[in-house]
Each structure stands twice: as structure tokens, then as C-alpha cells.
């Protein structure tokens, strides 16, 4: 049974996250329905990451199995036709080995969080970035962020609903930079806990506003206590950018 790897872009605003939920619009649900319309098969599209409600993707990766060996361009174009008018696009489709698994074969995931640091409301970026009206010191945020890089118990930055067996993760990169009014936070790791990126971003904004020092961030990490986390950043600014294999 041929296996296909998909690269998927989507606007997360209309969806209750990636994973299928009864009675709720989800990215996985819409994709699975499109595959059934194309092939007549009830085949679950399995993704590399379960993005939350309102979270976007530039390059989510998924795989699916089909009984028929379709041309990969046909898979891409036909699925896109069946996905309209949903804000989801298949950027590429390719045949892969049966052993390939979009989730378990991944060795690295990269997320971007966009903050627009200005007083004026968002217009073009509404729902696609977090507006923080108070001035942010991106340099201080970046310096503090390095305290979170490496292998740590991230209980403080983990949702109470997280189903991961262990709160210990190795964070490879956490970088903060500014370009004009936009502050970008990049996070790279093999895998993340539920709400980890948004939790870290919210706490870094506390540093950027001068409410926390870098030492306060370290203490929050060391507390291993969810109540020590700063406000969790909204999903609007979070994007799954890349998955490496």
C-alpha cells in the first residue's frame, strides 16, 4: 500500500486544532475528508505535530496510505481541489517508504512565534500575531531565553492537560530578535510539551516588559510548578515552520 508524505500549510483560525474532535472543525478532519472524497478510502492523515486551536503552519508534515499508486502531483492538486474553501493547502506530495512516520520519524521541529510590538491595533496581522502594546526589550528577552536552552524539566512551561510521559525535554534553540515592530521568537527541539512554546513566550514577554529579570525566569524554570509560569501567549502568533527527518 503506497505511503505518501504531505507538506501542508494552513491558517489555524477556523479550526479547533489539528486532531480530529467529534463535532468540531479540525485540520486533520478536513484533510481526512478530502482524502476520502478523492480515493473513496477512509484513511486517517497522520501529522508530525498536534497544533492547538488557532495555531498556524507553514510546513506541517503528514503521511497517509492509499490503496492505489497515484501520481504525486495528482495527489497534491486533487486534494487541494477538495480542500477548498478551507484555508489549507498541500504544498507538496511525495512517495515515501512504508517505514516513514510523520510523527515518530521526525528528528527536529521548528516553531516561530510572531509578536507585533506597537500601540495600534492589528489589521492585516489580526489573528496571525500577538500585539503587545508595551515596549519590549528583545535583547533582554534573548539573553534570558538562553537559560531555557538545553535539557530541563519543563513542568513550569507545560499545560496541565499535557499527555507526555515526562516533562523533561531538550531545547536546542530559543532565540529572540527584532525587525522593526516585529519581535520573533524561534524555538527548535526534537519535540515539545503541550503549550510549551506559548508558555515560554509569555514568560519571555514578562522579561521584555521589565516585569521579570532573567533570574526570575530561571527561578520559574527551577520551580517545576505550572503556577510559576507567566501568562501563556495566545495561539495567534504561533507557526509550525519546519519538520526535519
C-alpha atoms as a PDB file:
ATOM      1  CA  UNK A   1       0.000   0.000   0.000  1.00  0.00           C
ATOM      2  CA  UNK A   2       1.732   3.220  -1.163  1.00  0.00           C
ATOM      3  CA  UNK A   3       2.571   5.771   1.521  1.00  0.00           C
ATOM      4  CA  UNK A   4       2.618   9.498   0.784  1.00  0.00           C
ATOM      5  CA  UNK A   5       4.266  12.353   2.642  1.00  0.00           C
ATOM      6  CA  UNK A   6       2.461  15.699   2.520  1.00  0.00           C
ATOM      7  CA  UNK A   7       3.774  19.201   3.255  1.00  0.00           C
ATOM      8  CA  UNK A   8       0.826  21.278   4.450  1.00  0.00           C
ATOM      9  CA  UNK A   9       0.224  24.975   5.022  1.00  0.00           C
ATOM     10  CA  UNK A  10      -2.792  26.228   6.947  1.00  0.00           C
ATOM     11  CA  UNK A  11      -4.368  29.146   8.738  1.00  0.00           C
ATOM     12  CA  UNK A  12      -5.367  27.776  12.130  1.00  0.00           C
ATOM     13  CA  UNK A  13      -8.041  30.350  12.955  1.00  0.00           C
ATOM     14  CA  UNK A  14     -11.136  28.403  11.777  1.00  0.00           C
ATOM     15  CA  UNK A  15     -10.019  25.124  13.368  1.00  0.00           C
ATOM     16  CA  UNK A  16     -10.084  23.524  16.808  1.00  0.00           C
ATOM     17  CA  UNK A  17      -6.505  22.437  16.311  1.00  0.00           C
ATOM     18  CA  UNK A  18      -5.051  19.589  14.268  1.00  0.00           C
ATOM     19  CA  UNK A  19      -6.511  16.470  15.873  1.00  0.00           C
ATOM     20  CA  UNK A  20      -9.962  15.153  14.952  1.00  0.00           C
ATOM     21  CA  UNK A  21     -12.651  16.007  17.522  1.00  0.00           C
ATOM     22  CA  UNK A  22     -16.273  14.966  17.295  1.00  0.00           C
ATOM     23  CA  UNK A  23     -18.464  17.842  16.149  1.00  0.00           C
ATOM     24  CA  UNK A  24     -15.551  20.285  15.807  1.00  0.00           C
ATOM     25  CA  UNK A  25     -13.765  21.538  12.657  1.00  0.00           C
ATOM     26  CA  UNK A  26     -10.134  20.371  12.707  1.00  0.00           C
ATOM     27  CA  UNK A  27      -7.306  20.332  10.189  1.00  0.00           C
ATOM     28  CA  UNK A  28      -6.918  16.552  10.383  1.00  0.00           C
ATOM     29  CA  UNK A  29     -10.651  16.070   9.974  1.00  0.00           C
ATOM     30  CA  UNK A  30     -10.882  18.263   6.872  1.00  0.00           C
ATOM     31  CA  UNK A  31      -7.829  16.577   5.318  1.00  0.00           C
ATOM     32  CA  UNK A  32      -9.156  13.098   6.035  1.00  0.00           C
ATOM     33  CA  UNK A  33     -12.489  14.004   4.411  1.00  0.00           C
ATOM     34  CA  UNK A  34     -10.665  15.340   1.336  1.00  0.00           C
ATOM     35  CA  UNK A  35      -8.720  12.084   1.007  1.00  0.00           C
ATOM     36  CA  UNK A  36     -11.954  10.091   1.227  1.00  0.00           C
ATOM     37  CA  UNK A  37     -13.546  12.245  -1.481  1.00  0.00           C
ATOM     38  CA  UNK A  38     -10.517  11.695  -3.716  1.00  0.00           C
ATOM     39  CA  UNK A  39      -9.979   7.984  -3.207  1.00  0.00           C
ATOM     40  CA  UNK A  40     -13.138   6.614  -1.601  1.00  0.00           C
ATOM     41  CA  UNK A  41     -10.990   5.341   1.263  1.00  0.00           C
ATOM     42  CA  UNK A  42     -11.365   6.127   4.952  1.00  0.00           C
ATOM     43  CA  UNK A  43      -7.681   6.796   5.635  1.00  0.00           C
ATOM     44  CA  UNK A  44      -6.516   8.879   8.587  1.00  0.00           C
ATOM     45  CA  UNK A  45      -3.981  11.587   7.731  1.00  0.00           C
ATOM     46  CA  UNK A  46      -1.337  11.464  10.480  1.00  0.00           C
ATOM     47  CA  UNK A  47       0.612  14.634  11.273  1.00  0.00           C
ATOM     48  CA  UNK A  48       4.019  15.428  12.737  1.00  0.00           C
ATOM     49  CA  UNK A  49       2.546  17.690  15.411  1.00  0.00           C
ATOM     50  CA  UNK A  50      -0.843  18.297  17.009  1.00  0.00           C
ATOM     51  CA  UNK A  51      -1.096  22.054  16.706  1.00  0.00           C
ATOM     52  CA  UNK A  52      -3.609  23.700  19.051  1.00  0.00           C
ATOM     53  CA  UNK A  53      -6.705  25.740  18.256  1.00  0.00           C
ATOM     54  CA  UNK A  54      -5.736  28.846  16.299  1.00  0.00           C
ATOM     55  CA  UNK A  55      -2.113  27.777  15.663  1.00  0.00           C
ATOM     56  CA  UNK A  56      -0.859  28.020  12.078  1.00  0.00           C
ATOM     57  CA  UNK A  57       1.549  26.018   9.920  1.00  0.00           C
ATOM     58  CA  UNK A  58       3.870  26.921   7.089  1.00  0.00           C
ATOM     59  CA  UNK A  59       5.105  23.351   6.689  1.00  0.00           C
ATOM     60  CA  UNK A  60       3.239  20.761   8.721  1.00  0.00           C
ATOM     61  CA  UNK A  61       4.192  17.238   7.629  1.00  0.00           C
ATOM     62  CA  UNK A  62       1.763  14.335   7.436  1.00  0.00           C
ATOM     63  CA  UNK A  63       1.568  10.876   5.923  1.00  0.00           C
ATOM     64  CA  UNK A  64      -1.224   8.695   4.580  1.00  0.00           C
ATOM     65  CA  UNK A  65      -1.602   5.310   2.908  1.00  0.00           C
ATOM     66  CA  UNK A  66      -3.658   4.775  -0.250  1.00  0.00           C
ATOM     67  CA  UNK A  67      -4.599   1.509  -1.943  1.00  0.00           C
ATOM     68  CA  UNK A  68      -3.828   2.933  -5.394  1.00  0.00           C
ATOM     69  CA  UNK A  69      -0.477   4.278  -6.565  1.00  0.00           C
ATOM     70  CA  UNK A  70      -1.383   7.838  -7.520  1.00  0.00           C
ATOM     71  CA  UNK A  71       0.886  10.294  -9.311  1.00  0.00           C
ATOM     72  CA  UNK A  72       2.191  12.643  -6.605  1.00  0.00           C
ATOM     73  CA  UNK A  73       1.208  15.790  -8.498  1.00  0.00           C
ATOM     74  CA  UNK A  74      -2.314  14.390  -8.797  1.00  0.00           C
ATOM     75  CA  UNK A  75      -2.434  13.742  -5.049  1.00  0.00           C
ATOM     76  CA  UNK A  76      -1.369  17.331  -4.365  1.00  0.00           C
ATOM     77  CA  UNK A  77      -3.649  19.002  -6.889  1.00  0.00           C
ATOM     78  CA  UNK A  78      -6.718  16.825  -6.315  1.00  0.00           C
ATOM     79  CA  UNK A  79      -6.531  17.203  -2.540  1.00  0.00           C
ATOM     80  CA  UNK A  80      -6.203  20.969  -2.911  1.00  0.00           C
ATOM     81  CA  UNK A  81      -9.316  20.994  -5.100  1.00  0.00           C
ATOM     82  CA  UNK A  82     -11.263  19.045  -2.472  1.00  0.00           C
ATOM     83  CA  UNK A  83      -9.949  21.210   0.384  1.00  0.00           C
ATOM     84  CA  UNK A  84     -11.403  24.447  -0.987  1.00  0.00           C
ATOM     85  CA  UNK A  85     -12.606  26.767   0.505  1.00  0.00           C
ATOM     86  CA  UNK A  86     -10.836  25.766   3.722  1.00  0.00           C
ATOM     87  CA  UNK A  87      -7.572  27.715   4.341  1.00  0.00           C
ATOM     88  CA  UNK A  88      -5.432  24.597   3.914  1.00  0.00           C
ATOM     89  CA  UNK A  89      -3.013  23.912   1.050  1.00  0.00           C
ATOM     90  CA  UNK A  90      -0.950  20.856   0.163  1.00  0.00           C
ATOM     91  CA  UNK A  91       2.380  22.344  -0.900  1.00  0.00           C
ATOM     92  CA  UNK A  92       3.962  19.037  -1.935  1.00  0.00           C
ATOM     93  CA  UNK A  93       3.301  15.303  -2.015  1.00  0.00           C
ATOM     94  CA  UNK A  94       5.869  12.532  -2.409  1.00  0.00           C
ATOM     95  CA  UNK A  95       6.083   8.755  -2.156  1.00  0.00           C
ATOM     96  CA  UNK A  96       7.981   7.527   0.887  1.00  0.00           C
ATOM     97  CA  UNK A  97       8.999   4.198   2.364  1.00  0.00           C
ATOM     98  CA  UNK A  98       6.478   2.234   4.408  1.00  0.00           C
ATOM     99  CA  UNK A  99       8.625   2.826   7.492  1.00  0.00           C
ATOM    100  CA  UNK A 100       8.234   6.601   7.289  1.00  0.00           C
ATOM    101  CA  UNK A 101       6.040   8.058  10.023  1.00  0.00           C
ATOM    102  CA  UNK A 102       5.395  11.806  10.072  1.00  0.00           C
ATOM    103  CA  UNK A 103       5.421  11.925  13.884  1.00  0.00           C
ATOM    104  CA  UNK A 104       7.845   9.273  15.101  1.00  0.00           C
ATOM    105  CA  UNK A 105      10.416   9.658  12.297  1.00  0.00           C
ATOM    106  CA  UNK A 106      10.862  13.385  12.955  1.00  0.00           C
ATOM    107  CA  UNK A 107      14.191  14.413  14.483  1.00  0.00           C
ATOM    108  CA  UNK A 108      13.562  18.162  14.811  1.00  0.00           C
ATOM    109  CA  UNK A 109      10.669  20.616  14.844  1.00  0.00           C
ATOM    110  CA  UNK A 110      10.964  24.370  14.467  1.00  0.00           C
ATOM    111  CA  UNK A 111       8.341  26.875  15.607  1.00  0.00           C
ATOM    112  CA  UNK A 112       8.127  30.627  15.100  1.00  0.00           C
ATOM    113  CA  UNK A 113       6.200  32.976  17.370  1.00  0.00           C
ATOM    114  CA  UNK A 114       5.371  36.439  15.984  1.00  0.00           C
ATOM    115  CA  UNK A 115       4.831  39.422  18.263  1.00  0.00           C
ATOM    116  CA  UNK A 116       3.885  42.825  16.840  1.00  0.00           C
ATOM    117  CA  UNK A 117       5.133  45.373  19.352  1.00  0.00           C
ATOM    118  CA  UNK A 118       3.082  48.513  18.703  1.00  0.00           C
ATOM    119  CA  UNK A 119       0.275  50.605  20.188  1.00  0.00           C
ATOM    120  CA  UNK A 120      -2.013  50.446  17.148  1.00  0.00           C
ATOM    121  CA  UNK A 121      -4.387  47.523  16.709  1.00  0.00           C
ATOM    122  CA  UNK A 122      -3.600  44.817  14.176  1.00  0.00           C
ATOM    123  CA  UNK A 123      -5.354  44.868  10.827  1.00  0.00           C
ATOM    124  CA  UNK A 124      -3.553  42.686   8.264  1.00  0.00           C
ATOM    125  CA  UNK A 125      -1.991  40.570  11.022  1.00  0.00           C
ATOM    126  CA  UNK A 126      -5.124  40.192  13.153  1.00  0.00           C
ATOM    127  CA  UNK A 127      -5.289  36.550  14.228  1.00  0.00           C
ATOM    128  CA  UNK A 128      -1.793  35.921  12.846  1.00  0.00           C
ATOM    129  CA  UNK A 129       0.341  37.631  15.502  1.00  0.00           C
ATOM    130  CA  UNK A 130       0.183  38.760  19.131  1.00  0.00           C
ATOM    131  CA  UNK A 131       0.024  42.518  19.580  1.00  0.00           C
ATOM    132  CA  UNK A 132       1.935  43.650  22.663  1.00  0.00           C
ATOM    133  CA  UNK A 133       1.468  47.432  23.070  1.00  0.00           C
ATOM    134  CA  UNK A 134       4.074  47.958  25.796  1.00  0.00           C
ATOM    135  CA  UNK A 135       7.732  48.372  24.708  1.00  0.00           C
ATOM    136  CA  UNK A 136       9.711  45.120  24.658  1.00  0.00           C
ATOM    137  CA  UNK A 137      13.468  44.743  25.137  1.00  0.00           C
ATOM    138  CA  UNK A 138      14.171  41.966  22.643  1.00  0.00           C
ATOM    139  CA  UNK A 139      17.830  41.835  23.685  1.00  0.00           C
ATOM    140  CA  UNK A 140      16.909  41.126  27.301  1.00  0.00           C
ATOM    141  CA  UNK A 141      14.404  38.510  26.135  1.00  0.00           C
ATOM    142  CA  UNK A 142      17.021  36.761  24.008  1.00  0.00           C
ATOM    143  CA  UNK A 143      19.574  36.757  26.817  1.00  0.00           C
ATOM    144  CA  UNK A 144      17.065  35.304  29.280  1.00  0.00           C
ATOM    145  CA  UNK A 145      15.904  32.744  26.707  1.00  0.00           C
ATOM    146  CA  UNK A 146      19.313  31.074  26.751  1.00  0.00           C
ATOM    147  CA  UNK A 147      18.597  29.928  30.313  1.00  0.00           C
ATOM    148  CA  UNK A 148      15.935  27.629  28.876  1.00  0.00           C
ATOM    149  CA  UNK A 149      18.164  26.098  26.193  1.00  0.00           C
ATOM    150  CA  UNK A 150      19.354  22.575  26.942  1.00  0.00           C
ATOM    151  CA  UNK A 151      17.837  19.619  28.757  1.00  0.00           C
ATOM    152  CA  UNK A 152      15.462  20.615  31.545  1.00  0.00           C
ATOM    153  CA  UNK A 153      12.344  19.624  33.414  1.00  0.00           C
ATOM    154  CA  UNK A 154       9.835  21.994  31.744  1.00  0.00           C
ATOM    155  CA  UNK A 155       6.926  21.332  34.116  1.00  0.00           C
ATOM    156  CA  UNK A 156       6.505  25.099  34.617  1.00  0.00           C
ATOM    157  CA  UNK A 157       6.001  25.565  30.872  1.00  0.00           C
ATOM    158  CA  UNK A 158       3.746  22.554  30.370  1.00  0.00           C
ATOM    159  CA  UNK A 159      -0.043  22.546  30.119  1.00  0.00           C
ATOM    160  CA  UNK A 160      -1.827  20.732  32.929  1.00  0.00           C
ATOM    161  CA  UNK A 161      -3.548  18.767  30.146  1.00  0.00           C
ATOM    162  CA  UNK A 162      -0.240  17.631  28.603  1.00  0.00           C
ATOM    163  CA  UNK A 163      -0.194  13.870  27.993  1.00  0.00           C
ATOM    164  CA  UNK A 164       3.581  13.477  27.594  1.00  0.00           C
ATOM    165  CA  UNK A 165       5.054  10.791  29.848  1.00  0.00           C
ATOM    166  CA  UNK A 166       7.904  13.041  31.000  1.00  0.00           C
ATOM    167  CA  UNK A 167       8.257  16.829  31.413  1.00  0.00           C
ATOM    168  CA  UNK A 168      11.964  16.584  30.510  1.00  0.00           C
ATOM    169  CA  UNK A 169      12.816  17.933  27.060  1.00  0.00           C
ATOM    170  CA  UNK A 170      15.962  19.125  25.304  1.00  0.00           C
ATOM    171  CA  UNK A 171      15.530  22.578  23.791  1.00  0.00           C
ATOM    172  CA  UNK A 172      18.097  23.106  21.027  1.00  0.00           C
ATOM    173  CA  UNK A 173      17.403  26.739  20.112  1.00  0.00           C
ATOM    174  CA  UNK A 174      15.374  29.536  21.687  1.00  0.00           C
ATOM    175  CA  UNK A 175      16.183  32.866  20.050  1.00  0.00           C
ATOM    176  CA  UNK A 176      14.530  36.280  20.126  1.00  0.00           C
ATOM    177  CA  UNK A 177      15.132  39.000  17.553  1.00  0.00           C
ATOM    178  CA  UNK A 178      13.535  42.236  16.427  1.00  0.00           C
ATOM    179  CA  UNK A 179      12.850  43.611  12.927  1.00  0.00           C
ATOM    180  CA  UNK A 180      11.072  46.946  13.192  1.00  0.00           C
ATOM    181  CA  UNK A 181       7.862  46.494  15.166  1.00  0.00           C
ATOM    182  CA  UNK A 182       8.033  42.706  14.952  1.00  0.00           C
ATOM    183  CA  UNK A 183       9.665  40.549  17.622  1.00  0.00           C
ATOM    184  CA  UNK A 184      10.234  36.960  16.538  1.00  0.00           C
ATOM    185  CA  UNK A 185      10.838  34.011  18.837  1.00  0.00           C
ATOM    186  CA  UNK A 186      12.259  30.850  17.261  1.00  0.00           C
ATOM    187  CA  UNK A 187      12.183  27.527  19.106  1.00  0.00           C
ATOM    188  CA  UNK A 188      13.763  24.278  17.883  1.00  0.00           C
ATOM    189  CA  UNK A 189      13.717  20.843  19.515  1.00  0.00           C
ATOM    190  CA  UNK A 190      13.047  17.218  18.685  1.00  0.00           C
ATOM    191  CA  UNK A 191       9.660  17.556  20.376  1.00  0.00           C
ATOM    192  CA  UNK A 192       7.756  19.922  22.643  1.00  0.00           C
ATOM    193  CA  UNK A 193       5.336  19.606  25.530  1.00  0.00           C
ATOM    194  CA  UNK A 194       1.745  20.786  25.159  1.00  0.00           C
ATOM    195  CA  UNK A 195       1.706  24.617  25.269  1.00  0.00           C
ATOM    196  CA  UNK A 196       5.480  24.733  25.893  1.00  0.00           C
ATOM    197  CA  UNK A 197       6.332  27.320  23.239  1.00  0.00           C
ATOM    198  CA  UNK A 198       3.441  29.629  24.094  1.00  0.00           C
ATOM    199  CA  UNK A 199       4.235  29.326  27.800  1.00  0.00           C
ATOM    200  CA  UNK A 200       7.893  30.211  27.256  1.00  0.00           C
ATOM    201  CA  UNK A 201       6.971  33.150  25.011  1.00  0.00           C
ATOM    202  CA  UNK A 202       4.550  34.536  27.596  1.00  0.00           C
ATOM    203  CA  UNK A 203       7.229  34.416  30.274  1.00  0.00           C
ATOM    204  CA  UNK A 204       9.812  35.994  27.959  1.00  0.00           C
ATOM    205  CA  UNK A 205       7.421  38.870  27.325  1.00  0.00           C
ATOM    206  CA  UNK A 206       7.409  39.443  31.105  1.00  0.00           C
ATOM    207  CA  UNK A 207      11.183  39.846  30.810  1.00  0.00           C
ATOM    208  CA  UNK A 208      10.878  42.116  27.779  1.00  0.00           C
ATOM    209  CA  UNK A 209       8.454  44.394  29.612  1.00  0.00           C
ATOM    210  CA  UNK A 210      10.777  44.623  32.615  1.00  0.00           C
ATOM    211  CA  UNK A 211       8.357  42.827  34.946  1.00  0.00           C
ATOM    212  CA  UNK A 212      10.753  39.867  35.292  1.00  0.00           C
ATOM    213  CA  UNK A 213      14.514  39.624  35.360  1.00  0.00           C
ATOM    214  CA  UNK A 214      16.451  36.775  33.788  1.00  0.00           C
ATOM    215  CA  UNK A 215      16.852  35.387  37.301  1.00  0.00           C
ATOM    216  CA  UNK A 216      13.061  35.391  37.701  1.00  0.00           C
ATOM    217  CA  UNK A 217      12.814  33.261  34.562  1.00  0.00           C
ATOM    218  CA  UNK A 218      15.429  30.860  35.935  1.00  0.00           C
ATOM    219  CA  UNK A 219      13.509  30.584  39.208  1.00  0.00           C
ATOM    220  CA  UNK A 220      10.304  29.864  37.307  1.00  0.00           C
ATOM    221  CA  UNK A 221      12.040  27.035  35.423  1.00  0.00           C
ATOM    222  CA  UNK A 222      13.585  25.622  38.589  1.00  0.00           C
ATOM    223  CA  UNK A 223      10.249  25.743  40.415  1.00  0.00           C
ATOM    224  CA  UNK A 224       8.878  22.940  38.234  1.00  0.00           C
ATOM    225  CA  UNK A 225       5.468  24.377  39.043  1.00  0.00           C
ATOM    226  CA  UNK A 226       2.873  25.421  36.459  1.00  0.00           C
ATOM    227  CA  UNK A 227       1.710  28.290  38.663  1.00  0.00           C
ATOM    228  CA  UNK A 228       5.189  29.854  38.358  1.00  0.00           C
ATOM    229  CA  UNK A 229       4.714  30.378  34.594  1.00  0.00           C
ATOM    230  CA  UNK A 230       3.964  33.822  33.201  1.00  0.00           C
ATOM    231  CA  UNK A 231       0.779  34.438  31.174  1.00  0.00           C
ATOM    232  CA  UNK A 232       0.530  31.989  28.263  1.00  0.00           C
ATOM    233  CA  UNK A 233       0.867  33.704  24.874  1.00  0.00           C
ATOM    234  CA  UNK A 234      -2.225  33.416  22.635  1.00  0.00           C
ATOM    235  CA  UNK A 235      -2.181  30.926  19.738  1.00  0.00           C
ATOM    236  CA  UNK A 236      -2.441  33.689  17.100  1.00  0.00           C
ATOM    237  CA  UNK A 237       1.313  34.195  16.685  1.00  0.00           C
ATOM    238  CA  UNK A 238       2.466  30.566  16.667  1.00  0.00           C
ATOM    239  CA  UNK A 239       3.544  28.809  13.451  1.00  0.00           C
ATOM    240  CA  UNK A 240       4.937  25.330  12.828  1.00  0.00           C
ATOM    241  CA  UNK A 241       7.669  26.236  10.365  1.00  0.00           C
ATOM    242  CA  UNK A 242       9.620  23.078   9.625  1.00  0.00           C
ATOM    243  CA  UNK A 243       9.941  19.402  10.486  1.00  0.00           C
ATOM    244  CA  UNK A 244      13.239  17.625   9.793  1.00  0.00           C
ATOM    245  CA  UNK A 245      13.769  13.901   9.213  1.00  0.00           C
END
